[in-house]
Each structure stands twice: as structure tokens, then as C-alpha cells.
Amino acid sequence: MEILGEYVSISVSCGVHSVDTKSEIVKILHFKQFYKHYVFVEDGEGGRKKLLKNYIDVNVCIDMVCGDTKNYEI
């Protein structure tokens, strides 16, 4: 801890006090965008087949990381 004039600077690095962080993917939005496009799928013989699709699935996600949020007393 350093005192710089009126400001207090606390240097706390990630992983202090052996606290594990937890990460979780959270889906916040899902919709279908209608758009004609071609995709390639594998057929049973190891080749590829071209298919016309009418929409694209869109998912909007965030990677939420949770960890130690204790207030350290100065």
C-alpha cells in the first residue's frame, strides 16, 4: 500500500489469498437472422454436400468471471 498525496494505491494481484475464479458463459440474446446462404455438410461417404439455408442462428454471450470481491481495509 502506498499513500500518494490524498490518494491511496493498493496493489492486489489476481490470485491473492488463493481464491479461485469461476468462469461461466451466459447467453443474453438469441435470434434468427433470415438470410439465404449455402452451407456444406458432410455426407455419409466422407464427402461434402452443399445445402441452401434460409436463416442463421445468432447467439450473444458474455464470459462472466466471478472471484473474490472482498473490500480490503486500509
C-alpha atoms as a PDB file:
ATOM      1  CA  MET A   1       0.000   0.000   0.000  1.00  0.00           C
ATOM      2  CA  GLU A   2       1.309   3.422  -0.954  1.00  0.00           C
ATOM      3  CA  ILE A   3      -0.057   6.792   0.050  1.00  0.00           C
ATOM      4  CA  LEU A   4       0.324   9.321  -2.769  1.00  0.00           C
ATOM      5  CA  GLY A   5      -0.858  12.726  -1.613  1.00  0.00           C
ATOM      6  CA  GLU A   6      -4.573  12.314  -0.968  1.00  0.00           C
ATOM      7  CA  TYR A   7      -4.870   9.063  -2.933  1.00  0.00           C
ATOM      8  CA  VAL A   8      -4.279   5.538  -1.641  1.00  0.00           C
ATOM      9  CA  SER A   9      -2.945   2.956  -4.065  1.00  0.00           C
ATOM     10  CA  ILE A  10      -3.455  -0.735  -3.280  1.00  0.00           C
ATOM     11  CA  SER A  11      -1.636  -3.243  -5.474  1.00  0.00           C
ATOM     12  CA  VAL A  12      -3.555  -6.519  -5.321  1.00  0.00           C
ATOM     13  CA  SER A  13      -2.712  -9.036  -7.986  1.00  0.00           C
ATOM     14  CA  CYS A  14      -5.037 -11.744  -9.262  1.00  0.00           C
ATOM     15  CA  GLY A  15      -4.944 -14.904  -7.157  1.00  0.00           C
ATOM     16  CA  VAL A  16      -4.128 -13.246  -3.833  1.00  0.00           C
ATOM     17  CA  HIS A  17      -5.271 -15.283  -0.823  1.00  0.00           C
ATOM     18  CA  SER A  18      -5.503 -18.450  -3.011  1.00  0.00           C
ATOM     19  CA  VAL A  19      -9.009 -17.621  -4.248  1.00  0.00           C
ATOM     20  CA  ASP A  20     -10.189 -19.442  -7.352  1.00  0.00           C
ATOM     21  CA  THR A  21     -12.138 -17.605 -10.001  1.00  0.00           C
ATOM     22  CA  LYS A  22     -15.157 -19.163 -11.680  1.00  0.00           C
ATOM     23  CA  SER A  23     -15.993 -18.560 -15.333  1.00  0.00           C
ATOM     24  CA  GLU A  24     -19.404 -19.117 -16.865  1.00  0.00           C
ATOM     25  CA  ILE A  25     -20.756 -18.389 -20.342  1.00  0.00           C
ATOM     26  CA  VAL A  26     -24.118 -16.590 -20.086  1.00  0.00           C
ATOM     27  CA  LYS A  27     -26.372 -16.310 -23.144  1.00  0.00           C
ATOM     28  CA  ILE A  28     -28.084 -12.919 -23.108  1.00  0.00           C
ATOM     29  CA  LEU A  29     -29.723 -12.924 -26.548  1.00  0.00           C
ATOM     30  CA  HIS A  30     -30.752 -15.466 -29.207  1.00  0.00           C
ATOM     31  CA  PHE A  31     -32.437 -14.744 -32.533  1.00  0.00           C
ATOM     32  CA  LYS A  32     -32.622 -15.941 -36.130  1.00  0.00           C
ATOM     33  CA  GLN A  33     -31.352 -13.695 -38.892  1.00  0.00           C
ATOM     34  CA  PHE A  34     -33.196 -14.610 -42.074  1.00  0.00           C
ATOM     35  CA  TYR A  35     -30.689 -14.734 -44.904  1.00  0.00           C
ATOM     36  CA  LYS A  36     -30.348 -17.232 -47.742  1.00  0.00           C
ATOM     37  CA  HIS A  37     -26.862 -18.747 -47.832  1.00  0.00           C
ATOM     38  CA  TYR A  38     -25.094 -22.021 -48.617  1.00  0.00           C
ATOM     39  CA  VAL A  39     -23.512 -24.332 -46.070  1.00  0.00           C
ATOM     40  CA  PHE A  40     -21.535 -27.519 -46.563  1.00  0.00           C
ATOM     41  CA  VAL A  41     -22.373 -30.646 -44.552  1.00  0.00           C
ATOM     42  CA  GLU A  42     -20.602 -33.990 -44.579  1.00  0.00           C
ATOM     43  CA  ASP A  43     -22.393 -36.843 -46.281  1.00  0.00           C
ATOM     44  CA  GLY A  44     -22.078 -40.497 -45.273  1.00  0.00           C
ATOM     45  CA  GLU A  45     -19.202 -41.184 -47.667  1.00  0.00           C
ATOM     46  CA  GLY A  46     -16.760 -38.606 -46.286  1.00  0.00           C
ATOM     47  CA  GLY A  47     -17.642 -36.002 -48.919  1.00  0.00           C
ATOM     48  CA  ARG A  48     -19.492 -32.737 -48.614  1.00  0.00           C
ATOM     49  CA  LYS A  49     -22.929 -31.708 -49.746  1.00  0.00           C
ATOM     50  CA  LYS A  50     -23.975 -28.106 -50.435  1.00  0.00           C
ATOM     51  CA  LEU A  51     -27.281 -27.042 -48.811  1.00  0.00           C
ATOM     52  CA  LEU A  52     -29.249 -23.809 -49.094  1.00  0.00           C
ATOM     53  CA  LYS A  53     -30.282 -22.473 -45.672  1.00  0.00           C
ATOM     54  CA  ASN A  54     -32.756 -19.670 -45.054  1.00  0.00           C
ATOM     55  CA  TYR A  55     -31.511 -18.321 -41.724  1.00  0.00           C
ATOM     56  CA  ILE A  56     -28.543 -18.016 -39.374  1.00  0.00           C
ATOM     57  CA  ASP A  57     -28.841 -18.656 -35.618  1.00  0.00           C
ATOM     58  CA  VAL A  58     -27.261 -15.780 -33.694  1.00  0.00           C
ATOM     59  CA  ASN A  59     -26.278 -16.091 -30.013  1.00  0.00           C
ATOM     60  CA  VAL A  60     -24.901 -13.191 -27.985  1.00  0.00           C
ATOM     61  CA  CYS A  61     -22.987 -14.418 -24.931  1.00  0.00           C
ATOM     62  CA  ILE A  62     -20.754 -12.983 -22.244  1.00  0.00           C
ATOM     63  CA  ASP A  63     -17.982 -14.722 -20.331  1.00  0.00           C
ATOM     64  CA  MET A  64     -18.801 -13.878 -16.707  1.00  0.00           C
ATOM     65  CA  VAL A  65     -15.867 -14.349 -14.330  1.00  0.00           C
ATOM     66  CA  CYS A  66     -16.566 -14.352 -10.597  1.00  0.00           C
ATOM     67  CA  GLY A  67     -13.942 -14.168  -7.885  1.00  0.00           C
ATOM     68  CA  ASP A  68     -13.082 -12.618  -4.555  1.00  0.00           C
ATOM     69  CA  THR A  69     -14.721  -9.198  -4.199  1.00  0.00           C
ATOM     70  CA  LYS A  70     -13.916  -8.528  -0.525  1.00  0.00           C
ATOM     71  CA  ASN A  71     -13.202  -4.945   0.457  1.00  0.00           C
ATOM     72  CA  TYR A  72      -9.713  -4.761   1.912  1.00  0.00           C
ATOM     73  CA  GLU A  73      -9.450  -2.394   4.843  1.00  0.00           C
ATOM     74  CA  ILE A  74      -6.786   0.233   4.541  1.00  0.00           C
END
